[in-house]
Amino acid sequence: MPAERFLNRKVLLGVAGGIAAYKSAFLVRELVKAGASVQVVMTRSAHDFVTPLTLATLSGRPVLTELVADNGTWNDHVHLARWADVLLIAPLTANTLAKMAHGQCDNLLLACFLSSVSPVYVAPAMDLEMFKDRSTHANLEILRDRGVRTIGPETGDLASGLSGEGRMTEPAMIVGRLVKDLIGNSKLNGKRILITAGPTQEAIDPVRYIGNRSSGKMGFALAEEAAARGGLVELVTGPVNLQTDRAGITRTNIRSAAEMAEACKRISAGCDAVVMSAAIADYRPADPKTEKIKKKGGELGLQLEPTEDVLGWMGANKPQGQLLVGFALGNERWPCPCSK
């Protein structure tokens, strides 16, 4: 996939009830091909133009329409709005436009719009005279004044047989606009990046281990930011109490330094950049027991052996052109002696 077409975002796609709704199938496909996670919300009338099954199949997610589903499940519009990195309504009909401009909220899509905390884009689609109407332009101006961004419409053949302004912008152009606005000229766009995070745990026996106090927060923050800039992130993490659901992050969980080494060696060859921010143990028990060590009183000796220097291996085997970044933690107080 060309880097300039990569859209590493969670897209809440609203589909209103107009003939251009048939294009939403192509739009979903373009978004998914560009790397986006897509959740479709349709108005009831949109079902007359394209089936929910089609859009669910293309997006890989159940399509939502009702605030309360037939089985009594509440489709939480607040959660949906907060999940999304961007809300895109395409097509936007004159009816849905008017409701948005005047704060009406009689369906799930409008509830998501009013709850949105992310950028909102709309792609108007209606017939020539409807688009020319003064009320349509007034409503669009209201939305623009509130920060809603418009894409199109274009001039071309319309469903009525007329030709003129009101045709929905083509899906590929819509995705291109989102990429331009949300990703811009990021140097990370489309790049594959390996990021490590968290501690490792080196087994003493099945219930005890040697570890460290790494929380993994730095590695996860780096992964989130890289993905937000369009990177394809391979996140290899030790045991942490952290979660991420940002599109574009593939997570691999490991426990020991040996598992970290295996994962990094397997993944790194195909990466444009590697950021080693995990706190990998330098030593491990030389003879881990397969059964829990019983308490017997007295001293207990623990022989340690060095773990593999994963960063050293990465440096020695770095592909040409790959950027390799390594972190090291010390316990010096700032300013450290080396800064003088």
C-alpha atoms as a PDB file:
ATOM      1  CA  MET A   1       0.000   0.000   0.000  1.00  0.00           C
ATOM      2  CA  PRO A   2       1.486   3.404  -0.905  1.00  0.00           C
ATOM      3  CA  ALA A   3       2.408   5.352   2.210  1.00  0.00           C
ATOM      4  CA  GLU A   4       0.424   8.412   1.115  1.00  0.00           C
ATOM      5  CA  ARG A   5      -2.776   6.336   1.159  1.00  0.00           C
ATOM      6  CA  PHE A   6      -2.380   5.012   4.668  1.00  0.00           C
ATOM      7  CA  LEU A   7      -5.033   6.094   7.175  1.00  0.00           C
ATOM      8  CA  ASN A   8      -4.336   4.735  10.627  1.00  0.00           C
ATOM      9  CA  ARG A   9      -7.577   5.831  12.260  1.00  0.00           C
ATOM     10  CA  LYS A  10     -10.822   4.571  13.796  1.00  0.00           C
ATOM     11  CA  VAL A  11     -13.563   5.917  11.534  1.00  0.00           C
ATOM     12  CA  LEU A  12     -17.197   6.166  12.571  1.00  0.00           C
ATOM     13  CA  LEU A  13     -18.984   6.248   9.221  1.00  0.00           C
ATOM     14  CA  GLY A  14     -22.518   7.640   9.135  1.00  0.00           C
ATOM     15  CA  VAL A  15     -24.674   6.730   6.139  1.00  0.00           C
ATOM     16  CA  ALA A  16     -27.815   8.770   5.512  1.00  0.00           C
ATOM     17  CA  GLY A  17     -30.742   7.781   3.272  1.00  0.00           C
ATOM     18  CA  GLY A  18     -30.060   8.996  -0.246  1.00  0.00           C
ATOM     19  CA  ILE A  19     -29.285   7.292  -3.549  1.00  0.00           C
ATOM     20  CA  ALA A  20     -25.584   8.023  -3.046  1.00  0.00           C
ATOM     21  CA  ALA A  21     -25.678   5.591  -0.122  1.00  0.00           C
ATOM     22  CA  TYR A  22     -24.757   2.890  -2.622  1.00  0.00           C
ATOM     23  CA  LYS A  23     -21.305   4.487  -2.732  1.00  0.00           C
ATOM     24  CA  SER A  24     -20.862   3.815   0.980  1.00  0.00           C
ATOM     25  CA  ALA A  25     -19.949   0.207   0.144  1.00  0.00           C
ATOM     26  CA  PHE A  26     -17.040   1.436  -1.972  1.00  0.00           C
ATOM     27  CA  LEU A  27     -16.143   3.993   0.702  1.00  0.00           C
ATOM     28  CA  VAL A  28     -15.966   1.340   3.420  1.00  0.00           C
ATOM     29  CA  ARG A  29     -13.754  -0.770   1.199  1.00  0.00           C
ATOM     30  CA  GLU A  30     -11.420   2.169   0.489  1.00  0.00           C
ATOM     31  CA  LEU A  31     -11.175   3.009   4.190  1.00  0.00           C
ATOM     32  CA  VAL A  32     -10.386  -0.573   5.179  1.00  0.00           C
ATOM     33  CA  LYS A  33      -7.821  -0.882   2.370  1.00  0.00           C
ATOM     34  CA  ALA A  34      -6.185   2.283   3.701  1.00  0.00           C
ATOM     35  CA  GLY A  35      -5.776   0.694   7.137  1.00  0.00           C
ATOM     36  CA  ALA A  36      -8.715   2.264   8.978  1.00  0.00           C
ATOM     37  CA  SER A  37     -10.998   0.514  11.458  1.00  0.00           C
ATOM     38  CA  VAL A  38     -14.571   1.293  10.372  1.00  0.00           C
ATOM     39  CA  GLN A  39     -17.794   1.247  12.358  1.00  0.00           C
ATOM     40  CA  VAL A  40     -20.884   2.002  10.252  1.00  0.00           C
ATOM     41  CA  VAL A  41     -23.964   3.746  11.649  1.00  0.00           C
ATOM     42  CA  MET A  42     -26.926   3.985   9.243  1.00  0.00           C
ATOM     43  CA  THR A  43     -30.183   5.873   9.386  1.00  0.00           C
ATOM     44  CA  ARG A  44     -33.309   3.737   8.871  1.00  0.00           C
ATOM     45  CA  SER A  45     -33.931   5.194   5.413  1.00  0.00           C
ATOM     46  CA  ALA A  46     -30.395   4.332   4.319  1.00  0.00           C
ATOM     47  CA  HIS A  47     -31.411   0.658   4.467  1.00  0.00           C
ATOM     48  CA  ASP A  48     -33.549   1.290   1.359  1.00  0.00           C
ATOM     49  CA  PHE A  49     -30.437   2.025  -0.704  1.00  0.00           C
ATOM     50  CA  VAL A  50     -27.759  -0.324   0.671  1.00  0.00           C
ATOM     51  CA  THR A  51     -28.112  -3.309   2.997  1.00  0.00           C
ATOM     52  CA  PRO A  52     -26.529  -3.408   6.446  1.00  0.00           C
ATOM     53  CA  LEU A  53     -25.219  -6.891   5.593  1.00  0.00           C
ATOM     54  CA  THR A  54     -23.149  -5.464   2.738  1.00  0.00           C
ATOM     55  CA  LEU A  55     -21.525  -2.812   4.915  1.00  0.00           C
ATOM     56  CA  ALA A  56     -21.060  -5.207   7.851  1.00  0.00           C
ATOM     57  CA  THR A  57     -19.290  -7.678   5.579  1.00  0.00           C
ATOM     58  CA  LEU A  58     -16.975  -5.029   4.167  1.00  0.00           C
ATOM     59  CA  SER A  59     -16.217  -3.369   7.519  1.00  0.00           C
ATOM     60  CA  GLY A  60     -15.985  -6.542   9.594  1.00  0.00           C
ATOM     61  CA  ARG A  61     -18.261  -4.993  12.240  1.00  0.00           C
ATOM     62  CA  PRO A  62     -22.020  -5.189  12.823  1.00  0.00           C
ATOM     63  CA  VAL A  63     -23.821  -2.168  11.386  1.00  0.00           C
ATOM     64  CA  LEU A  64     -25.763  -0.093  13.928  1.00  0.00           C
ATOM     65  CA  THR A  65     -28.988   1.830  13.330  1.00  0.00           C
ATOM     66  CA  GLU A  66     -31.176   1.963  16.440  1.00  0.00           C
ATOM     67  CA  LEU A  67     -30.411   3.557  19.776  1.00  0.00           C
ATOM     68  CA  VAL A  68     -31.967   0.451  21.309  1.00  0.00           C
ATOM     69  CA  ALA A  69     -31.714  -2.743  19.259  1.00  0.00           C
ATOM     70  CA  ASP A  70     -34.546  -5.270  18.918  1.00  0.00           C
ATOM     71  CA  ASN A  71     -32.918  -7.487  21.570  1.00  0.00           C
ATOM     72  CA  GLY A  72     -32.952  -4.621  24.058  1.00  0.00           C
ATOM     73  CA  THR A  73     -29.249  -3.778  23.701  1.00  0.00           C
ATOM     74  CA  TRP A  74     -28.454  -0.091  24.025  1.00  0.00           C
ATOM     75  CA  ASN A  75     -26.063   1.125  21.340  1.00  0.00           C
ATOM     76  CA  ASP A  76     -24.089   3.572  23.451  1.00  0.00           C
ATOM     77  CA  HIS A  77     -23.708   6.687  21.286  1.00  0.00           C
ATOM     78  CA  VAL A  78     -21.332   8.292  23.804  1.00  0.00           C
ATOM     79  CA  HIS A  79     -18.989   5.298  23.670  1.00  0.00           C
ATOM     80  CA  LEU A  80     -19.170   5.196  19.873  1.00  0.00           C
ATOM     81  CA  ALA A  81     -18.353   8.895  19.603  1.00  0.00           C
ATOM     82  CA  ARG A  82     -15.416   8.598  22.004  1.00  0.00           C
ATOM     83  CA  TRP A  83     -14.134   5.477  20.235  1.00  0.00           C
ATOM     84  CA  ALA A  84     -13.813   7.287  16.923  1.00  0.00           C
ATOM     85  CA  ASP A  85     -10.772   9.258  15.784  1.00  0.00           C
ATOM     86  CA  VAL A  86     -12.969  10.831  13.120  1.00  0.00           C
ATOM     87  CA  LEU A  87     -16.697  10.962  12.334  1.00  0.00           C
ATOM     88  CA  LEU A  88     -17.464  10.880   8.618  1.00  0.00           C
ATOM     89  CA  ILE A  89     -21.024  11.205   7.294  1.00  0.00           C
ATOM     90  CA  ALA A  90     -21.229  10.188   3.646  1.00  0.00           C
ATOM     91  CA  PRO A  91     -23.600  10.674   2.050  1.00  0.00           C
ATOM     92  CA  LEU A  92     -25.040  13.618   3.944  1.00  0.00           C
ATOM     93  CA  THR A  93     -28.616  14.226   2.815  1.00  0.00           C
ATOM     94  CA  ALA A  94     -30.508  17.509   3.043  1.00  0.00           C
ATOM     95  CA  ASN A  95     -32.700  16.026   5.793  1.00  0.00           C
ATOM     96  CA  THR A  96     -29.806  14.879   8.002  1.00  0.00           C
ATOM     97  CA  LEU A  97     -27.988  18.150   7.302  1.00  0.00           C
ATOM     98  CA  ALA A  98     -30.957  20.179   8.547  1.00  0.00           C
ATOM     99  CA  LYS A  99     -31.253  18.074  11.701  1.00  0.00           C
ATOM    100  CA  MET A 100     -27.536  18.421  12.439  1.00  0.00           C
ATOM    101  CA  ALA A 101     -27.636  22.189  11.932  1.00  0.00           C
ATOM    102  CA  HIS A 102     -30.548  22.619  14.341  1.00  0.00           C
ATOM    103  CA  GLY A 103     -29.545  20.151  17.046  1.00  0.00           C
ATOM    104  CA  GLN A 104     -32.180  17.496  16.464  1.00  0.00           C
ATOM    105  CA  CYS A 105     -31.442  14.051  17.822  1.00  0.00           C
ATOM    106  CA  ASP A 106     -34.006  11.458  16.746  1.00  0.00           C
ATOM    107  CA  ASN A 107     -31.680   8.633  15.666  1.00  0.00           C
ATOM    108  CA  LEU A 108     -28.386   6.980  16.575  1.00  0.00           C
ATOM    109  CA  LEU A 109     -26.355   8.816  13.934  1.00  0.00           C
ATOM    110  CA  LEU A 110     -27.462  12.239  15.172  1.00  0.00           C
ATOM    111  CA  ALA A 111     -26.797  11.188  18.767  1.00  0.00           C
ATOM    112  CA  CYS A 112     -23.254  10.194  17.759  1.00  0.00           C
ATOM    113  CA  PHE A 113     -22.790  13.548  16.006  1.00  0.00           C
ATOM    114  CA  LEU A 114     -23.917  15.555  19.033  1.00  0.00           C
ATOM    115  CA  SER A 115     -21.647  13.450  21.274  1.00  0.00           C
ATOM    116  CA  SER A 116     -18.625  13.642  18.987  1.00  0.00           C
ATOM    117  CA  VAL A 117     -15.305  14.788  20.438  1.00  0.00           C
ATOM    118  CA  SER A 118     -13.328  14.053  17.256  1.00  0.00           C
ATOM    119  CA  PRO A 119     -13.088  15.871  13.901  1.00  0.00           C
ATOM    120  CA  VAL A 120     -16.316  15.660  11.885  1.00  0.00           C
ATOM    121  CA  TYR A 121     -16.398  15.455   8.087  1.00  0.00           C
ATOM    122  CA  VAL A 122     -19.481  15.426   5.871  1.00  0.00           C
ATOM    123  CA  ALA A 123     -19.852  14.630   2.180  1.00  0.00           C
ATOM    124  CA  PRO A 124     -23.136  16.215   0.988  1.00  0.00           C
ATOM    125  CA  ALA A 125     -25.092  14.433  -1.735  1.00  0.00           C
ATOM    126  CA  MET A 126     -28.429  15.641  -3.124  1.00  0.00           C
ATOM    127  CA  ASP A 127     -30.024  16.731  -6.357  1.00  0.00           C
ATOM    128  CA  LEU A 128     -29.191  19.990  -8.073  1.00  0.00           C
ATOM    129  CA  GLU A 129     -32.100  22.150  -6.914  1.00  0.00           C
ATOM    130  CA  MET A 130     -31.947  20.781  -3.365  1.00  0.00           C
ATOM    131  CA  PHE A 131     -28.302  21.699  -3.087  1.00  0.00           C
ATOM    132  CA  LYS A 132     -28.909  25.145  -4.592  1.00  0.00           C
ATOM    133  CA  ASP A 133     -31.643  25.932  -2.070  1.00  0.00           C
ATOM    134  CA  ARG A 134     -30.783  28.758   0.323  1.00  0.00           C
ATOM    135  CA  SER A 135     -31.695  26.691   3.360  1.00  0.00           C
ATOM    136  CA  THR A 136     -29.192  24.002   2.349  1.00  0.00           C
ATOM    137  CA  HIS A 137     -26.375  26.524   2.070  1.00  0.00           C
ATOM    138  CA  ALA A 138     -27.409  28.190   5.317  1.00  0.00           C
ATOM    139  CA  ASN A 139     -27.336  24.841   7.114  1.00  0.00           C
ATOM    140  CA  LEU A 140     -23.910  24.022   5.684  1.00  0.00           C
ATOM    141  CA  GLU A 141     -22.606  27.374   6.873  1.00  0.00           C
ATOM    142  CA  ILE A 142     -23.931  26.665  10.363  1.00  0.00           C
ATOM    143  CA  LEU A 143     -22.012  23.384  10.449  1.00  0.00           C
ATOM    144  CA  ARG A 144     -18.843  24.947   9.036  1.00  0.00           C
ATOM    145  CA  ASP A 145     -19.012  27.695  11.673  1.00  0.00           C
ATOM    146  CA  ARG A 146     -19.104  24.937  14.301  1.00  0.00           C
ATOM    147  CA  GLY A 147     -15.989  23.293  12.909  1.00  0.00           C
ATOM    148  CA  VAL A 148     -17.538  20.594  10.702  1.00  0.00           C
ATOM    149  CA  ARG A 149     -15.455  20.047   7.570  1.00  0.00           C
ATOM    150  CA  THR A 150     -17.166  19.526   4.213  1.00  0.00           C
ATOM    151  CA  ILE A 151     -15.959  17.365   1.331  1.00  0.00           C
ATOM    152  CA  GLY A 152     -17.636  18.254  -1.951  1.00  0.00           C
ATOM    153  CA  PRO A 153     -20.145  17.936  -3.434  1.00  0.00           C
ATOM    154  CA  GLU A 154     -18.900  17.571  -6.991  1.00  0.00           C
ATOM    155  CA  THR A 155     -20.438  18.529 -10.315  1.00  0.00           C
ATOM    156  CA  GLY A 156     -21.616  15.678 -12.529  1.00  0.00           C
ATOM    157  CA  ASP A 157     -24.498  13.427 -13.501  1.00  0.00           C
ATOM    158  CA  LEU A 158     -27.222  13.144 -10.858  1.00  0.00           C
ATOM    159  CA  ALA A 159     -29.818  10.457 -10.127  1.00  0.00           C
ATOM    160  CA  SER A 160     -32.592  12.697 -11.492  1.00  0.00           C
ATOM    161  CA  GLY A 161     -30.986  12.693 -14.910  1.00  0.00           C
ATOM    162  CA  LEU A 162     -29.820  16.279 -14.487  1.00  0.00           C
ATOM    163  CA  SER A 163     -26.202  17.323 -14.408  1.00  0.00           C
ATOM    164  CA  GLY A 164     -24.816  19.800 -11.927  1.00  0.00           C
ATOM    165  CA  GLU A 165     -23.487  20.315  -8.412  1.00  0.00           C
ATOM    166  CA  GLY A 166     -24.701  17.899  -5.756  1.00  0.00           C
ATOM    167  CA  ARG A 167     -22.905  14.658  -6.637  1.00  0.00           C
ATOM    168  CA  MET A 168     -21.171  12.952  -3.708  1.00  0.00           C
ATOM    169  CA  THR A 169     -17.378  13.062  -3.870  1.00  0.00           C
ATOM    170  CA  GLU A 170     -15.930   9.727  -4.977  1.00  0.00           C
ATOM    171  CA  PRO A 171     -14.807   7.397  -2.143  1.00  0.00           C
ATOM    172  CA  ALA A 172     -11.128   7.429  -3.155  1.00  0.00           C
ATOM    173  CA  MET A 173     -11.100  11.232  -3.056  1.00  0.00           C
ATOM    174  CA  ILE A 174     -12.799  11.261   0.360  1.00  0.00           C
ATOM    175  CA  VAL A 175     -10.162   8.929   1.771  1.00  0.00           C
ATOM    176  CA  GLY A 176      -7.456  11.048   0.178  1.00  0.00           C
ATOM    177  CA  ARG A 177      -8.823  14.150   1.917  1.00  0.00           C
ATOM    178  CA  LEU A 178      -8.871  12.384   5.287  1.00  0.00           C
ATOM    179  CA  VAL A 179      -5.295  11.196   4.816  1.00  0.00           C
ATOM    180  CA  LYS A 180      -4.173  14.712   3.871  1.00  0.00           C
ATOM    181  CA  ASP A 181      -5.919  16.362   6.823  1.00  0.00           C
ATOM    182  CA  LEU A 182      -5.323  13.773   9.544  1.00  0.00           C
ATOM    183  CA  ILE A 183      -1.930  12.359   8.601  1.00  0.00           C
ATOM    184  CA  GLY A 184      -0.525  15.155   6.475  1.00  0.00           C
ATOM    185  CA  ASN A 185       3.108  14.799   5.445  1.00  0.00           C
ATOM    186  CA  SER A 186       4.116  12.631   8.389  1.00  0.00           C
ATOM    187  CA  LYS A 187       7.407  10.857   7.779  1.00  0.00           C
ATOM    188  CA  LEU A 188       6.042   7.864   9.704  1.00  0.00           C
ATOM    189  CA  ASN A 189       3.067   7.368   7.405  1.00  0.00           C
ATOM    190  CA  GLY A 190       3.056   3.787   6.152  1.00  0.00           C
ATOM    191  CA  LYS A 191       6.348   2.915   7.885  1.00  0.00           C
ATOM    192  CA  ARG A 192       6.591  -0.351   9.817  1.00  0.00           C
ATOM    193  CA  ILE A 193       7.944   0.311  13.313  1.00  0.00           C
ATOM    194  CA  LEU A 194       8.888  -2.174  16.040  1.00  0.00           C
ATOM    195  CA  ILE A 195       8.501  -0.782  19.558  1.00  0.00           C
ATOM    196  CA  THR A 196       9.228  -2.741  22.736  1.00  0.00           C
ATOM    197  CA  ALA A 197       7.692  -1.947  26.106  1.00  0.00           C
ATOM    198  CA  GLY A 198       7.438  -3.062  29.709  1.00  0.00           C
ATOM    199  CA  PRO A 199       9.523  -5.401  31.871  1.00  0.00           C
ATOM    200  CA  THR A 200      10.465  -9.026  31.488  1.00  0.00           C
ATOM    201  CA  GLN A 201       9.951 -11.702  34.139  1.00  0.00           C
ATOM    202  CA  GLU A 202      12.642 -14.351  34.581  1.00  0.00           C
ATOM    203  CA  ALA A 203      11.320 -17.483  36.248  1.00  0.00           C
ATOM    204  CA  ILE A 204      12.843 -18.824  39.471  1.00  0.00           C
ATOM    205  CA  ASP A 205      10.160 -21.491  39.679  1.00  0.00           C
ATOM    206  CA  PRO A 206       6.552 -21.691  38.426  1.00  0.00           C
ATOM    207  CA  VAL A 207       5.342 -19.014  40.890  1.00  0.00           C
ATOM    208  CA  ARG A 208       8.366 -16.741  41.466  1.00  0.00           C
ATOM    209  CA  TYR A 209      10.382 -14.583  39.145  1.00  0.00           C
ATOM    210  CA  ILE A 210      12.977 -11.828  38.940  1.00  0.00           C
ATOM    211  CA  GLY A 211      11.519  -8.642  37.485  1.00  0.00           C
ATOM    212  CA  ASN A 212      11.762  -4.869  37.519  1.00  0.00           C
ATOM    213  CA  ARG A 213       9.487  -1.882  38.071  1.00  0.00           C
ATOM    214  CA  SER A 214       8.915  -0.900  34.447  1.00  0.00           C
ATOM    215  CA  SER A 215       5.267   0.082  33.853  1.00  0.00           C
ATOM    216  CA  GLY A 216       5.464   0.010  30.044  1.00  0.00           C
ATOM    217  CA  LYS A 217       3.897   3.479  29.843  1.00  0.00           C
ATOM    218  CA  MET A 218       6.683   4.997  27.766  1.00  0.00           C
ATOM    219  CA  GLY A 219       6.643   2.223  25.164  1.00  0.00           C
ATOM    220  CA  PHE A 220       2.867   2.338  24.884  1.00  0.00           C
ATOM    221  CA  ALA A 221       2.922   6.139  24.548  1.00  0.00           C
ATOM    222  CA  LEU A 222       5.498   5.851  21.768  1.00  0.00           C
ATOM    223  CA  ALA A 223       3.387   3.212  20.025  1.00  0.00           C
ATOM    224  CA  GLU A 224       0.225   5.336  20.260  1.00  0.00           C
ATOM    225  CA  GLU A 225       2.000   8.400  18.897  1.00  0.00           C
ATOM    226  CA  ALA A 226       3.684   6.502  16.056  1.00  0.00           C
ATOM    227  CA  ALA A 227       0.351   4.980  15.034  1.00  0.00           C
ATOM    228  CA  ALA A 228      -1.344   8.384  15.240  1.00  0.00           C
ATOM    229  CA  ARG A 229       1.228   9.635  12.725  1.00  0.00           C
ATOM    230  CA  GLY A 230       0.417   6.807  10.328  1.00  0.00           C
ATOM    231  CA  GLY A 231       2.955   4.200  11.406  1.00  0.00           C
ATOM    232  CA  LEU A 232       2.308   0.463  11.255  1.00  0.00           C
ATOM    233  CA  VAL A 233       3.390  -0.414  14.775  1.00  0.00           C
ATOM    234  CA  GLU A 234       4.514  -3.825  15.991  1.00  0.00           C
ATOM    235  CA  LEU A 235       4.325  -3.515  19.778  1.00  0.00           C
ATOM    236  CA  VAL A 236       6.188  -6.243  21.698  1.00  0.00           C
ATOM    237  CA  THR A 237       5.443  -5.934  25.383  1.00  0.00           C
ATOM    238  CA  GLY A 238       6.213  -7.657  28.630  1.00  0.00           C
ATOM    239  CA  PRO A 239       3.554  -8.165  31.333  1.00  0.00           C
ATOM    240  CA  VAL A 240       1.838  -4.791  31.929  1.00  0.00           C
ATOM    241  CA  ASN A 241      -1.604  -3.537  32.942  1.00  0.00           C
ATOM    242  CA  LEU A 242      -2.004  -1.408  29.824  1.00  0.00           C
ATOM    243  CA  GLN A 243      -4.325  -1.637  26.834  1.00  0.00           C
ATOM    244  CA  THR A 244      -4.412   0.010  23.421  1.00  0.00           C
ATOM    245  CA  ASP A 245      -7.055  -0.251  20.732  1.00  0.00           C
ATOM    246  CA  ARG A 246      -5.668   2.287  18.271  1.00  0.00           C
ATOM    247  CA  ALA A 247      -5.805   1.151  14.673  1.00  0.00           C
ATOM    248  CA  GLY A 248      -2.401   0.255  13.284  1.00  0.00           C
ATOM    249  CA  ILE A 249      -0.932  -1.320  16.435  1.00  0.00           C
ATOM    250  CA  THR A 250      -0.318  -5.070  16.429  1.00  0.00           C
ATOM    251  CA  ARG A 251       0.493  -6.338  19.904  1.00  0.00           C
ATOM    252  CA  THR A 252       2.689  -9.305  20.811  1.00  0.00           C
ATOM    253  CA  ASN A 253       2.788 -10.298  24.497  1.00  0.00           C
ATOM    254  CA  ILE A 254       5.946 -11.865  25.891  1.00  0.00           C
ATOM    255  CA  ARG A 255       7.147 -12.706  29.391  1.00  0.00           C
ATOM    256  CA  SER A 256      10.880 -13.454  29.449  1.00  0.00           C
ATOM    257  CA  ALA A 257      13.981 -11.892  27.911  1.00  0.00           C
ATOM    258  CA  ALA A 258      14.340 -14.958  25.702  1.00  0.00           C
ATOM    259  CA  GLU A 259      10.792 -14.506  24.407  1.00  0.00           C
ATOM    260  CA  MET A 260      11.496 -10.813  23.819  1.00  0.00           C
ATOM    261  CA  ALA A 261      14.622 -11.708  21.825  1.00  0.00           C
ATOM    262  CA  GLU A 262      12.747 -14.259  19.717  1.00  0.00           C
ATOM    263  CA  ALA A 263       9.932 -11.822  18.896  1.00  0.00           C
ATOM    264  CA  CYS A 264      12.277  -8.953  18.052  1.00  0.00           C
ATOM    265  CA  LYS A 265      14.452 -11.103  15.792  1.00  0.00           C
ATOM    266  CA  ARG A 266      11.373 -12.399  13.990  1.00  0.00           C
ATOM    267  CA  ILE A 267       9.746  -9.003  13.462  1.00  0.00           C
ATOM    268  CA  SER A 268      12.619  -6.540  13.090  1.00  0.00           C
ATOM    269  CA  ALA A 269      13.914  -7.575   9.668  1.00  0.00           C
ATOM    270  CA  GLY A 270      10.887  -6.101   7.908  1.00  0.00           C
ATOM    271  CA  CYS A 271      10.780  -2.866   9.906  1.00  0.00           C
ATOM    272  CA  ASP A 272      11.854   0.605   8.868  1.00  0.00           C
ATOM    273  CA  ALA A 273      12.581   1.566  12.473  1.00  0.00           C
ATOM    274  CA  VAL A 274      13.066  -0.158  15.820  1.00  0.00           C
ATOM    275  CA  VAL A 275      12.619   1.541  19.201  1.00  0.00           C
ATOM    276  CA  MET A 276      13.851  -0.608  22.096  1.00  0.00           C
ATOM    277  CA  SER A 277      12.190   0.966  25.136  1.00  0.00           C
ATOM    278  CA  ALA A 278      11.492  -2.230  27.100  1.00  0.00           C
ATOM    279  CA  ALA A 279      13.298  -2.936  30.377  1.00  0.00           C
ATOM    280  CA  ILE A 280      14.780  -6.307  29.453  1.00  0.00           C
ATOM    281  CA  ALA A 281      16.397  -8.234  32.315  1.00  0.00           C
ATOM    282  CA  ASP A 282      20.199  -8.432  32.186  1.00  0.00           C
ATOM    283  CA  TYR A 283      20.285 -11.641  34.232  1.00  0.00           C
ATOM    284  CA  ARG A 284      18.072 -14.669  34.792  1.00  0.00           C
ATOM    285  CA  PRO A 285      18.178 -17.706  37.082  1.00  0.00           C
ATOM    286  CA  ALA A 286      20.611 -20.234  35.616  1.00  0.00           C
ATOM    287  CA  ASP A 287      18.553 -23.210  36.795  1.00  0.00           C
ATOM    288  CA  PRO A 288      14.820 -22.361  37.023  1.00  0.00           C
ATOM    289  CA  LYS A 289      12.873 -25.067  38.819  1.00  0.00           C
ATOM    290  CA  THR A 290       9.893 -26.828  37.302  1.00  0.00           C
ATOM    291  CA  GLU A 291       8.188 -27.105  40.724  1.00  0.00           C
ATOM    292  CA  LYS A 292       7.740 -24.536  43.454  1.00  0.00           C
ATOM    293  CA  ILE A 293      10.723 -24.304  45.776  1.00  0.00           C
ATOM    294  CA  LYS A 294       9.605 -25.326  49.259  1.00  0.00           C
ATOM    295  CA  LYS A 295      10.388 -23.206  52.280  1.00  0.00           C
ATOM    296  CA  LYS A 296      13.030 -25.053  54.316  1.00  0.00           C
ATOM    297  CA  GLY A 297      14.569 -22.333  56.464  1.00  0.00           C
ATOM    298  CA  GLY A 298      18.107 -21.020  56.169  1.00  0.00           C
ATOM    299  CA  GLU A 299      19.631 -19.374  53.146  1.00  0.00           C
ATOM    300  CA  LEU A 300      18.694 -20.001  49.561  1.00  0.00           C
ATOM    301  CA  GLY A 301      21.284 -19.417  46.884  1.00  0.00           C
ATOM    302  CA  LEU A 302      20.313 -18.242  43.413  1.00  0.00           C
ATOM    303  CA  GLN A 303      22.791 -18.549  40.573  1.00  0.00           C
ATOM    304  CA  LEU A 304      22.257 -16.028  37.777  1.00  0.00           C
ATOM    305  CA  GLU A 305      23.410 -16.041  34.194  1.00  0.00           C
ATOM    306  CA  PRO A 306      23.362 -13.187  31.654  1.00  0.00           C
ATOM    307  CA  THR A 307      20.496 -12.894  29.201  1.00  0.00           C
ATOM    308  CA  GLU A 308      21.111 -12.223  25.530  1.00  0.00           C
ATOM    309  CA  ASP A 309      21.916  -8.619  24.645  1.00  0.00           C
ATOM    310  CA  VAL A 310      18.915  -8.074  22.375  1.00  0.00           C
ATOM    311  CA  LEU A 311      19.845  -4.492  21.483  1.00  0.00           C
ATOM    312  CA  GLY A 312      23.391  -5.620  20.669  1.00  0.00           C
ATOM    313  CA  TRP A 313      22.042  -8.313  18.352  1.00  0.00           C
ATOM    314  CA  MET A 314      19.755  -5.807  16.677  1.00  0.00           C
ATOM    315  CA  GLY A 315      22.666  -3.450  16.062  1.00  0.00           C
ATOM    316  CA  ALA A 316      24.856  -6.213  14.645  1.00  0.00           C
ATOM    317  CA  ASN A 317      22.107  -7.460  12.335  1.00  0.00           C
ATOM    318  CA  LYS A 318      20.476  -4.147  11.418  1.00  0.00           C
ATOM    319  CA  PRO A 319      19.261  -4.037   7.800  1.00  0.00           C
ATOM    320  CA  GLN A 320      20.602  -1.206   5.694  1.00  0.00           C
ATOM    321  CA  GLY A 321      18.552   1.942   6.152  1.00  0.00           C
ATOM    322  CA  GLN A 322      16.814   0.807   9.332  1.00  0.00           C
ATOM    323  CA  LEU A 323      16.709   3.304  12.208  1.00  0.00           C
ATOM    324  CA  LEU A 324      17.535   1.692  15.570  1.00  0.00           C
ATOM    325  CA  VAL A 325      16.904   3.504  18.871  1.00  0.00           C
ATOM    326  CA  GLY A 326      17.858   2.077  22.255  1.00  0.00           C
ATOM    327  CA  PHE A 327      16.991   3.290  25.751  1.00  0.00           C
ATOM    328  CA  ALA A 328      19.000   2.741  28.949  1.00  0.00           C
ATOM    329  CA  LEU A 329      17.854   3.513  32.486  1.00  0.00           C
ATOM    330  CA  GLY A 330      20.151   4.709  35.236  1.00  0.00           C
ATOM    331  CA  ASN A 331      19.441   5.799  38.819  1.00  0.00           C
ATOM    332  CA  GLU A 332      21.544   8.980  38.815  1.00  0.00           C
ATOM    333  CA  ARG A 333      19.930  12.134  40.134  1.00  0.00           C
ATOM    334  CA  TRP A 334      19.663  15.040  37.712  1.00  0.00           C
ATOM    335  CA  PRO A 335      21.904  16.693  36.760  1.00  0.00           C
ATOM    336  CA  CYS A 336      24.053  13.621  36.309  1.00  0.00           C
ATOM    337  CA  PRO A 337      27.864  13.952  36.545  1.00  0.00           C
ATOM    338  CA  CYS A 338      28.255  13.363  32.816  1.00  0.00           C
ATOM    339  CA  SER A 339      26.375  16.587  32.077  1.00  0.00           C
ATOM    340  CA  LYS A 340      29.070  18.755  33.666  1.00  0.00           C
END
